[in-house]
PDB file of all heavy atoms in Angstrom:
ATOM      1  N   ASN A   1       0.790  -1.173   0.016  1.00  0.00           N
ATOM      2  CA  ASN A   1       0.027   0.008   0.004  1.00  0.00           C
ATOM      3  C   ASN A   1       0.896   1.244   0.026  1.00  0.00           C
ATOM      4  O   ASN A   1       2.100   1.141   0.360  1.00  0.00           O
ATOM      5  CB  ASN A   1      -0.900   0.011   1.220  1.00  0.00           C
ATOM      6  CG  ASN A   1      -0.193  -0.025   2.534  1.00  0.00           C
ATOM      7  OD1 ASN A   1       0.455   0.968   2.918  1.00  0.00           O
ATOM      8  ND2 ASN A   1      -0.343  -1.084   3.239  1.00  0.00           N
ATOM      9  N   HIS A   2       0.297   2.369  -0.373  1.00  0.00           N
ATOM     10  CA  HIS A   2       1.088   3.640  -0.472  1.00  0.00           C
ATOM     11  C   HIS A   2       1.274   4.266   0.834  1.00  0.00           C
ATOM     12  O   HIS A   2       2.205   5.096   1.002  1.00  0.00           O
ATOM     13  CB  HIS A   2       0.336   4.536  -1.505  1.00  0.00           C
ATOM     14  CG  HIS A   2       0.364   4.143  -2.909  1.00  0.00           C
ATOM     15  ND1 HIS A   2       1.468   4.318  -3.675  1.00  0.00           N
ATOM     16  CD2 HIS A   2      -0.522   3.489  -3.680  1.00  0.00           C
ATOM     17  CE1 HIS A   2       1.174   3.773  -4.878  1.00  0.00           C
ATOM     18  NE2 HIS A   2       0.018   3.293  -4.879  1.00  0.00           N
ATOM     19  N   ASP A   3       0.541   3.946   1.859  1.00  0.00           N
ATOM     20  CA  ASP A   3       0.736   4.457   3.178  1.00  0.00           C
ATOM     21  C   ASP A   3       2.077   4.129   3.708  1.00  0.00           C
ATOM     22  O   ASP A   3       2.824   4.879   4.364  1.00  0.00           O
ATOM     23  CB  ASP A   3      -0.317   4.005   4.148  1.00  0.00           C
ATOM     24  CG  ASP A   3      -1.727   4.567   3.798  1.00  0.00           C
ATOM     25  OD1 ASP A   3      -2.013   5.659   4.234  1.00  0.00           O
ATOM     26  OD2 ASP A   3      -2.501   3.925   3.075  1.00  0.00           O
ATOM     27  N   ASP A   4       2.450   2.827   3.588  1.00  0.00           N
ATOM     28  CA  ASP A   4       3.724   2.345   4.051  1.00  0.00           C
ATOM     29  C   ASP A   4       4.843   3.013   3.289  1.00  0.00           C
ATOM     30  O   ASP A   4       5.928   3.347   3.831  1.00  0.00           O
ATOM     31  CB  ASP A   4       3.832   0.862   3.940  1.00  0.00           C
ATOM     32  CG  ASP A   4       3.028   0.091   4.911  1.00  0.00           C
ATOM     33  OD1 ASP A   4       2.566   0.812   5.978  1.00  0.00           O
ATOM     34  OD2 ASP A   4       2.767  -1.093   4.774  1.00  0.00           O
ATOM     35  N   GLU A   5       4.718   3.248   1.988  1.00  0.00           N
ATOM     36  CA  GLU A   5       5.705   3.882   1.156  1.00  0.00           C
ATOM     37  C   GLU A   5       5.988   5.361   1.736  1.00  0.00           C
ATOM     38  O   GLU A   5       7.147   5.676   1.950  1.00  0.00           O
ATOM     39  CB  GLU A   5       5.354   3.994  -0.285  1.00  0.00           C
ATOM     40  CG  GLU A   5       6.440   4.606  -1.195  1.00  0.00           C
ATOM     41  CD  GLU A   5       5.956   5.126  -2.454  1.00  0.00           C
ATOM     42  OE1 GLU A   5       4.748   5.430  -2.566  1.00  0.00           O
ATOM     43  OE2 GLU A   5       6.754   5.304  -3.383  1.00  0.00           O
ATOM     44  N   LYS A   6       4.932   6.062   2.023  1.00  0.00           N
ATOM     45  CA  LYS A   6       5.080   7.368   2.593  1.00  0.00           C
ATOM     46  C   LYS A   6       5.708   7.351   3.931  1.00  0.00           C
ATOM     47  O   LYS A   6       6.540   8.238   4.236  1.00  0.00           O
ATOM     48  CB  LYS A   6       3.663   8.052   2.647  1.00  0.00           C
ATOM     49  CG  LYS A   6       3.071   8.371   1.306  1.00  0.00           C
ATOM     50  CD  LYS A   6       1.680   8.884   1.417  1.00  0.00           C
ATOM     51  CE  LYS A   6       0.993   9.139   0.144  1.00  0.00           C
ATOM     52  NZ  LYS A   6      -0.436   9.601   0.276  1.00  0.00           N
ATOM     53  N   LEU A   7       5.353   6.355   4.808  1.00  0.00           N
ATOM     54  CA  LEU A   7       5.930   6.261   6.082  1.00  0.00           C
ATOM     55  C   LEU A   7       7.494   6.072   5.976  1.00  0.00           C
ATOM     56  O   LEU A   7       8.280   6.666   6.728  1.00  0.00           O
ATOM     57  CB  LEU A   7       5.421   5.068   6.842  1.00  0.00           C
ATOM     58  CG  LEU A   7       5.907   4.843   8.243  1.00  0.00           C
ATOM     59  CD1 LEU A   7       5.549   5.946   9.158  1.00  0.00           C
ATOM     60  CD2 LEU A   7       5.333   3.457   8.705  1.00  0.00           C
ATOM     61  N   PHE A   8       7.942   5.252   4.994  1.00  0.00           N
ATOM     62  CA  PHE A   8       9.326   4.928   4.865  1.00  0.00           C
ATOM     63  C   PHE A   8      10.065   6.066   4.233  1.00  0.00           C
ATOM     64  O   PHE A   8      11.185   6.467   4.715  1.00  0.00           O
ATOM     65  CB  PHE A   8       9.522   3.680   4.018  1.00  0.00           C
ATOM     66  CG  PHE A   8       9.536   2.466   4.847  1.00  0.00           C
ATOM     67  CD1 PHE A   8       8.438   1.928   5.387  1.00  0.00           C
ATOM     68  CD2 PHE A   8      10.749   1.720   4.987  1.00  0.00           C
ATOM     69  CE1 PHE A   8       8.370   0.790   6.102  1.00  0.00           C
ATOM     70  CE2 PHE A   8      10.751   0.507   5.697  1.00  0.00           C
ATOM     71  CZ  PHE A   8       9.613   0.017   6.288  1.00  0.00           C
ATOM     72  N   PHE A   9       9.574   6.572   3.137  1.00  0.00           N
ATOM     73  CA  PHE A   9      10.431   7.459   2.339  1.00  0.00           C
ATOM     74  C   PHE A   9       9.930   8.950   2.233  1.00  0.00           C
ATOM     75  O   PHE A   9      10.715   9.787   1.905  1.00  0.00           O
ATOM     76  CB  PHE A   9      10.462   6.845   0.950  1.00  0.00           C
ATOM     77  CG  PHE A   9      11.030   5.500   0.775  1.00  0.00           C
ATOM     78  CD1 PHE A   9      10.482   4.541  -0.032  1.00  0.00           C
ATOM     79  CD2 PHE A   9      11.980   5.053   1.695  1.00  0.00           C
ATOM     80  CE1 PHE A   9      11.013   3.268  -0.167  1.00  0.00           C
ATOM     81  CE2 PHE A   9      12.525   3.811   1.604  1.00  0.00           C
ATOM     82  CZ  PHE A   9      12.010   2.893   0.724  1.00  0.00           C
ATOM     83  N   GLY A  10       8.718   9.156   2.543  1.00  0.00           N
ATOM     84  CA  GLY A  10       8.229  10.634   2.561  1.00  0.00           C
ATOM     85  C   GLY A  10       8.484  11.132   1.111  1.00  0.00           C
ATOM     86  O   GLY A  10       8.039  10.646   0.108  1.00  0.00           O
ATOM     87  N   ARG A  11       9.194  12.273   1.078  1.00  0.00           N
ATOM     88  CA  ARG A  11       9.514  12.849  -0.221  1.00  0.00           C
ATOM     89  C   ARG A  11      10.894  12.525  -0.723  1.00  0.00           C
ATOM     90  O   ARG A  11      11.331  13.026  -1.705  1.00  0.00           O
ATOM     91  CB  ARG A  11       9.510  14.416  -0.017  1.00  0.00           C
ATOM     92  CG  ARG A  11       8.122  14.940   0.403  1.00  0.00           C
ATOM     93  CD  ARG A  11       8.153  16.464   0.517  1.00  0.00           C
ATOM     94  NE  ARG A  11       6.862  17.003   0.867  1.00  0.00           N
ATOM     95  CZ  ARG A  11       6.580  18.293   1.017  1.00  0.00           C
ATOM     96  NH1 ARG A  11       7.517  19.201   0.919  1.00  0.00           N
ATOM     97  NH2 ARG A  11       5.350  18.644   1.337  1.00  0.00           N
ATOM     98  N   ASP A  12      11.460  11.562  -0.080  1.00  0.00           N
ATOM     99  CA  ASP A  12      12.833  11.061  -0.540  1.00  0.00           C
ATOM    100  C   ASP A  12      12.670  10.155  -1.624  1.00  0.00           C
ATOM    101  O   ASP A  12      12.279   9.088  -1.600  1.00  0.00           O
ATOM    102  CB  ASP A  12      13.561  10.303   0.655  1.00  0.00           C
ATOM    103  CG  ASP A  12      14.962  10.080   0.407  1.00  0.00           C
ATOM    104  OD1 ASP A  12      15.450  10.272  -0.717  1.00  0.00           O
ATOM    105  OD2 ASP A  12      15.670   9.770   1.425  1.00  0.00           O
ATOM    106  N   GLY A  13      13.078  10.739  -2.935  1.00  0.00           N
ATOM    107  CA  GLY A  13      12.826  10.008  -4.156  1.00  0.00           C
ATOM    108  C   GLY A  13      13.890   9.098  -4.568  1.00  0.00           C
ATOM    109  O   GLY A  13      13.832   8.426  -5.663  1.00  0.00           O
ATOM    110  N   ILE A  14      15.004   8.949  -3.809  1.00  0.00           N
ATOM    111  CA  ILE A  14      16.179   8.168  -4.275  1.00  0.00           C
ATOM    112  C   ILE A  14      15.812   6.702  -4.398  1.00  0.00           C
ATOM    113  O   ILE A  14      16.499   5.890  -5.007  1.00  0.00           O
ATOM    114  CB  ILE A  14      17.351   8.367  -3.344  1.00  0.00           C
ATOM    115  CG1 ILE A  14      17.109   7.914  -1.978  1.00  0.00           C
ATOM    116  CG2 ILE A  14      17.779   9.720  -3.360  1.00  0.00           C
ATOM    117  CD1 ILE A  14      18.338   7.834  -1.106  1.00  0.00           C
ATOM    118  N   TYR A  15      14.685   6.286  -3.680  1.00  0.00           N
ATOM    119  CA  TYR A  15      14.388   4.828  -3.681  1.00  0.00           C
ATOM    120  C   TYR A  15      13.248   4.469  -4.763  1.00  0.00           C
ATOM    121  O   TYR A  15      12.958   3.341  -4.993  1.00  0.00           O
ATOM    122  CB  TYR A  15      13.789   4.451  -2.321  1.00  0.00           C
ATOM    123  CG  TYR A  15      14.740   4.689  -1.158  1.00  0.00           C
ATOM    124  CD1 TYR A  15      14.768   5.875  -0.491  1.00  0.00           C
ATOM    125  CD2 TYR A  15      15.674   3.796  -0.765  1.00  0.00           C
ATOM    126  CE1 TYR A  15      15.586   6.236   0.480  1.00  0.00           C
ATOM    127  CE2 TYR A  15      16.629   4.039   0.287  1.00  0.00           C
ATOM    128  CZ  TYR A  15      16.552   5.241   0.888  1.00  0.00           C
ATOM    129  OH  TYR A  15      17.407   5.467   1.943  1.00  0.00           O
ATOM    130  N   LYS A  16      12.716   5.555  -5.337  1.00  0.00           N
ATOM    131  CA  LYS A  16      11.552   5.257  -6.222  1.00  0.00           C
ATOM    132  C   LYS A  16      11.780   4.228  -7.312  1.00  0.00           C
ATOM    133  O   LYS A  16      10.923   3.453  -7.618  1.00  0.00           O
ATOM    134  CB  LYS A  16      11.141   6.592  -6.820  1.00  0.00           C
ATOM    135  CG  LYS A  16      10.489   7.636  -5.888  1.00  0.00           C
ATOM    136  CD  LYS A  16       9.125   7.165  -5.455  1.00  0.00           C
ATOM    137  CE  LYS A  16       8.436   8.188  -4.609  1.00  0.00           C
ATOM    138  NZ  LYS A  16       7.106   7.794  -4.086  1.00  0.00           N
ATOM    139  N   LYS A  17      12.945   4.265  -7.909  1.00  0.00           N
ATOM    140  CA  LYS A  17      13.283   3.366  -9.021  1.00  0.00           C
ATOM    141  C   LYS A  17      13.290   1.889  -8.545  1.00  0.00           C
ATOM    142  O   LYS A  17      13.167   0.984  -9.372  1.00  0.00           O
ATOM    143  CB  LYS A  17      14.544   3.742  -9.662  1.00  0.00           C
ATOM    144  CG  LYS A  17      15.822   3.563  -8.675  1.00  0.00           C
ATOM    145  CD  LYS A  17      17.091   3.940  -9.493  1.00  0.00           C
ATOM    146  CE  LYS A  17      18.304   3.787  -8.639  1.00  0.00           C
ATOM    147  NZ  LYS A  17      18.308   4.542  -7.359  1.00  0.00           N
ATOM    148  N   ASN A  18      13.416   1.652  -7.215  1.00  0.00           N
ATOM    149  CA  ASN A  18      13.493   0.298  -6.776  1.00  0.00           C
ATOM    150  C   ASN A  18      12.191  -0.136  -6.105  1.00  0.00           C
ATOM    151  O   ASN A  18      12.110  -1.280  -5.619  1.00  0.00           O
ATOM    152  CB  ASN A  18      14.485   0.233  -5.604  1.00  0.00           C
ATOM    153  CG  ASN A  18      15.948   0.678  -6.116  1.00  0.00           C
ATOM    154  OD1 ASN A  18      16.267   0.310  -7.230  1.00  0.00           O
ATOM    155  ND2 ASN A  18      16.732   1.266  -5.208  1.00  0.00           N
ATOM    156  N   THR A  19      11.072   0.661  -6.168  1.00  0.00           N
ATOM    157  CA  THR A  19       9.887   0.386  -5.575  1.00  0.00           C
ATOM    158  C   THR A  19       8.890  -0.320  -6.454  1.00  0.00           C
ATOM    159  O   THR A  19       8.710   0.051  -7.636  1.00  0.00           O
ATOM    160  CB  THR A  19       9.205   1.770  -4.989  1.00  0.00           C
ATOM    161  OG1 THR A  19      10.133   2.308  -4.038  1.00  0.00           O
ATOM    162  CG2 THR A  19       7.868   1.435  -4.418  1.00  0.00           C
ATOM    163  N   HIS A  20       8.186  -1.318  -5.871  1.00  0.00           N
ATOM    164  CA  HIS A  20       7.185  -2.037  -6.633  1.00  0.00           C
ATOM    165  C   HIS A  20       5.912  -2.128  -5.766  1.00  0.00           C
ATOM    166  O   HIS A  20       6.031  -2.172  -4.519  1.00  0.00           O
ATOM    167  CB  HIS A  20       7.664  -3.504  -6.929  1.00  0.00           C
ATOM    168  CG  HIS A  20       8.928  -3.552  -7.698  1.00  0.00           C
ATOM    169  ND1 HIS A  20       9.010  -3.688  -9.077  1.00  0.00           N
ATOM    170  CD2 HIS A  20      10.240  -3.467  -7.223  1.00  0.00           C
ATOM    171  CE1 HIS A  20      10.277  -3.665  -9.420  1.00  0.00           C
ATOM    172  NE2 HIS A  20      11.019  -3.616  -8.369  1.00  0.00           N
ATOM    173  N   PHE A  21       4.785  -2.286  -6.249  1.00  0.00           N
ATOM    174  CA  PHE A  21       3.495  -2.360  -5.644  1.00  0.00           C
ATOM    175  C   PHE A  21       2.753  -3.658  -6.029  1.00  0.00           C
ATOM    176  O   PHE A  21       2.525  -3.913  -7.227  1.00  0.00           O
ATOM    177  CB  PHE A  21       2.512  -1.181  -5.772  1.00  0.00           C
ATOM    178  CG  PHE A  21       2.988   0.015  -5.048  1.00  0.00           C
ATOM    179  CD1 PHE A  21       3.870   0.974  -5.674  1.00  0.00           C
ATOM    180  CD2 PHE A  21       2.691   0.240  -3.740  1.00  0.00           C
ATOM    181  CE1 PHE A  21       4.309   2.065  -5.058  1.00  0.00           C
ATOM    182  CE2 PHE A  21       3.145   1.360  -3.070  1.00  0.00           C
ATOM    183  CZ  PHE A  21       3.888   2.308  -3.667  1.00  0.00           C
ATOM    184  N   ILE A  22       2.608  -4.550  -4.993  1.00  0.00           N
ATOM    185  CA  ILE A  22       1.874  -5.791  -5.293  1.00  0.00           C
ATOM    186  C   ILE A  22       0.865  -5.937  -4.102  1.00  0.00           C
ATOM    187  O   ILE A  22       1.243  -5.961  -2.900  1.00  0.00           O
ATOM    188  CB  ILE A  22       2.818  -7.024  -5.259  1.00  0.00           C
ATOM    189  CG1 ILE A  22       3.872  -6.865  -6.402  1.00  0.00           C
ATOM    190  CG2 ILE A  22       1.986  -8.317  -5.497  1.00  0.00           C
ATOM    191  CD1 ILE A  22       4.882  -8.009  -6.401  1.00  0.00           C
ATOM    192  N   LYS A  23      -0.448  -6.012  -4.381  1.00  0.00           N
ATOM    193  CA  LYS A  23      -1.528  -5.942  -3.399  1.00  0.00           C
ATOM    194  C   LYS A  23      -1.538  -7.370  -2.662  1.00  0.00           C
ATOM    195  O   LYS A  23      -2.278  -8.282  -3.072  1.00  0.00           O
ATOM    196  CB  LYS A  23      -2.814  -5.591  -3.965  1.00  0.00           C
ATOM    197  CG  LYS A  23      -3.210  -4.188  -3.847  1.00  0.00           C
ATOM    198  CD  LYS A  23      -4.601  -3.914  -4.208  1.00  0.00           C
ATOM    199  CE  LYS A  23      -5.042  -2.500  -3.971  1.00  0.00           C
ATOM    200  NZ  LYS A  23      -6.442  -2.281  -4.308  1.00  0.00           N
ATOM    201  N   GLY A  24      -0.721  -7.497  -1.621  1.00  0.00           N
ATOM    202  CA  GLY A  24      -0.778  -8.713  -0.843  1.00  0.00           C
ATOM    203  C   GLY A  24      -0.058  -9.842  -1.448  1.00  0.00           C
ATOM    204  O   GLY A  24       0.594  -9.745  -2.452  1.00  0.00           O
ATOM    205  N   SER A  25      -0.214 -11.068  -0.839  1.00  0.00           N
ATOM    206  CA  SER A  25       0.482 -12.200  -1.337  1.00  0.00           C
ATOM    207  C   SER A  25      -0.351 -13.006  -2.328  1.00  0.00           C
ATOM    208  O   SER A  25       0.042 -14.132  -2.616  1.00  0.00           O
ATOM    209  CB  SER A  25       0.892 -13.049  -0.111  1.00  0.00           C
ATOM    210  OG  SER A  25      -0.245 -13.294   0.733  1.00  0.00           O
ATOM    211  N   GLY A  26      -1.484 -12.489  -2.655  1.00  0.00           N
ATOM    212  CA  GLY A  26      -2.323 -13.248  -3.683  1.00  0.00           C
ATOM    213  C   GLY A  26      -3.245 -14.273  -3.012  1.00  0.00           C
ATOM    214  O   GLY A  26      -3.087 -14.694  -1.835  1.00  0.00           O
ATOM    215  N   VAL A  27      -4.122 -14.762  -3.824  1.00  0.00           N
ATOM    216  CA  VAL A  27      -5.082 -15.822  -3.342  1.00  0.00           C
ATOM    217  C   VAL A  27      -5.290 -16.722  -4.519  1.00  0.00           C
ATOM    218  O   VAL A  27      -5.382 -16.352  -5.646  1.00  0.00           O
ATOM    219  CB  VAL A  27      -6.356 -15.166  -2.749  1.00  0.00           C
ATOM    220  CG1 VAL A  27      -7.112 -14.383  -3.854  1.00  0.00           C
ATOM    221  CG2 VAL A  27      -7.285 -16.295  -2.137  1.00  0.00           C
ATOM    222  N   ASP A  28      -5.436 -18.023  -4.139  1.00  0.00           N
ATOM    223  CA  ASP A  28      -5.772 -19.024  -5.197  1.00  0.00           C
ATOM    224  C   ASP A  28      -7.269 -18.955  -5.567  1.00  0.00           C
ATOM    225  O   ASP A  28      -8.147 -19.272  -4.699  1.00  0.00           O
ATOM    226  CB  ASP A  28      -5.453 -20.450  -4.630  1.00  0.00           C
ATOM    227  CG  ASP A  28      -5.508 -21.540  -5.632  1.00  0.00           C
ATOM    228  OD1 ASP A  28      -6.388 -21.373  -6.593  1.00  0.00           O
ATOM    229  OD2 ASP A  28      -4.731 -22.479  -5.568  1.00  0.00           O
ATOM    230  N   LEU A  29      -7.572 -18.474  -6.722  1.00  0.00           N
ATOM    231  CA  LEU A  29      -8.929 -18.226  -7.095  1.00  0.00           C
ATOM    232  C   LEU A  29      -9.683 -19.576  -7.390  1.00  0.00           C
ATOM    233  O   LEU A  29     -10.948 -19.587  -7.429  1.00  0.00           O
ATOM    234  CB  LEU A  29      -8.977 -17.353  -8.410  1.00  0.00           C
ATOM    235  CG  LEU A  29      -8.393 -15.996  -8.203  1.00  0.00           C
ATOM    236  CD1 LEU A  29      -8.463 -15.168  -9.518  1.00  0.00           C
ATOM    237  CD2 LEU A  29      -9.100 -15.241  -7.090  1.00  0.00           C
ATOM    238  N   ASN A  30      -8.948 -20.636  -7.480  1.00  0.00           N
ATOM    239  CA  ASN A  30      -9.683 -21.974  -7.577  1.00  0.00           C
ATOM    240  C   ASN A  30      -9.996 -22.559  -6.235  1.00  0.00           C
ATOM    241  O   ASN A  30     -11.035 -23.114  -6.093  1.00  0.00           O
ATOM    242  CB  ASN A  30      -8.691 -22.934  -8.393  1.00  0.00           C
ATOM    243  CG  ASN A  30      -8.505 -22.523  -9.817  1.00  0.00           C
ATOM    244  OD1 ASN A  30      -9.456 -22.142 -10.459  1.00  0.00           O
ATOM    245  ND2 ASN A  30      -7.289 -22.655 -10.288  1.00  0.00           N
ATOM    246  N   GLU A  31      -9.114 -22.372  -5.359  1.00  0.00           N
ATOM    247  CA  GLU A  31      -9.357 -22.842  -3.922  1.00  0.00           C
ATOM    248  C   GLU A  31     -10.439 -21.966  -3.327  1.00  0.00           C
ATOM    249  O   GLU A  31     -11.376 -22.543  -2.699  1.00  0.00           O
ATOM    250  CB  GLU A  31      -8.074 -22.793  -3.105  1.00  0.00           C
ATOM    251  CG  GLU A  31      -8.389 -23.253  -1.657  1.00  0.00           C
ATOM    252  CD  GLU A  31      -7.108 -23.151  -0.735  1.00  0.00           C
ATOM    253  OE1 GLU A  31      -6.040 -22.689  -1.232  1.00  0.00           O
ATOM    254  OE2 GLU A  31      -7.258 -23.514   0.470  1.00  0.00           O
ATOM    255  N   PHE A  32     -10.280 -20.664  -3.378  1.00  0.00           N
ATOM    256  CA  PHE A  32     -11.247 -19.734  -2.804  1.00  0.00           C
ATOM    257  C   PHE A  32     -12.175 -19.341  -4.019  1.00  0.00           C
ATOM    258  O   PHE A  32     -12.054 -18.242  -4.532  1.00  0.00           O
ATOM    259  CB  PHE A  32     -10.562 -18.505  -2.182  1.00  0.00           C
ATOM    260  CG  PHE A  32      -9.874 -18.935  -0.967  1.00  0.00           C
ATOM    261  CD1 PHE A  32      -8.579 -19.417  -0.936  1.00  0.00           C
ATOM    262  CD2 PHE A  32     -10.494 -18.783   0.263  1.00  0.00           C
ATOM    263  CE1 PHE A  32      -7.932 -19.770   0.256  1.00  0.00           C
ATOM    264  CE2 PHE A  32      -9.901 -19.162   1.506  1.00  0.00           C
ATOM    265  CZ  PHE A  32      -8.592 -19.592   1.432  1.00  0.00           C
TER     266      PHE A  32
END
């Protein structure tokens, strides 16, 4: 989530190129 990114880095952009967003660890759509 973006809240955690803001908590870690604020306006510090040096890490941006290394940042990825993946919503959770996923779920098996066949099992669930």
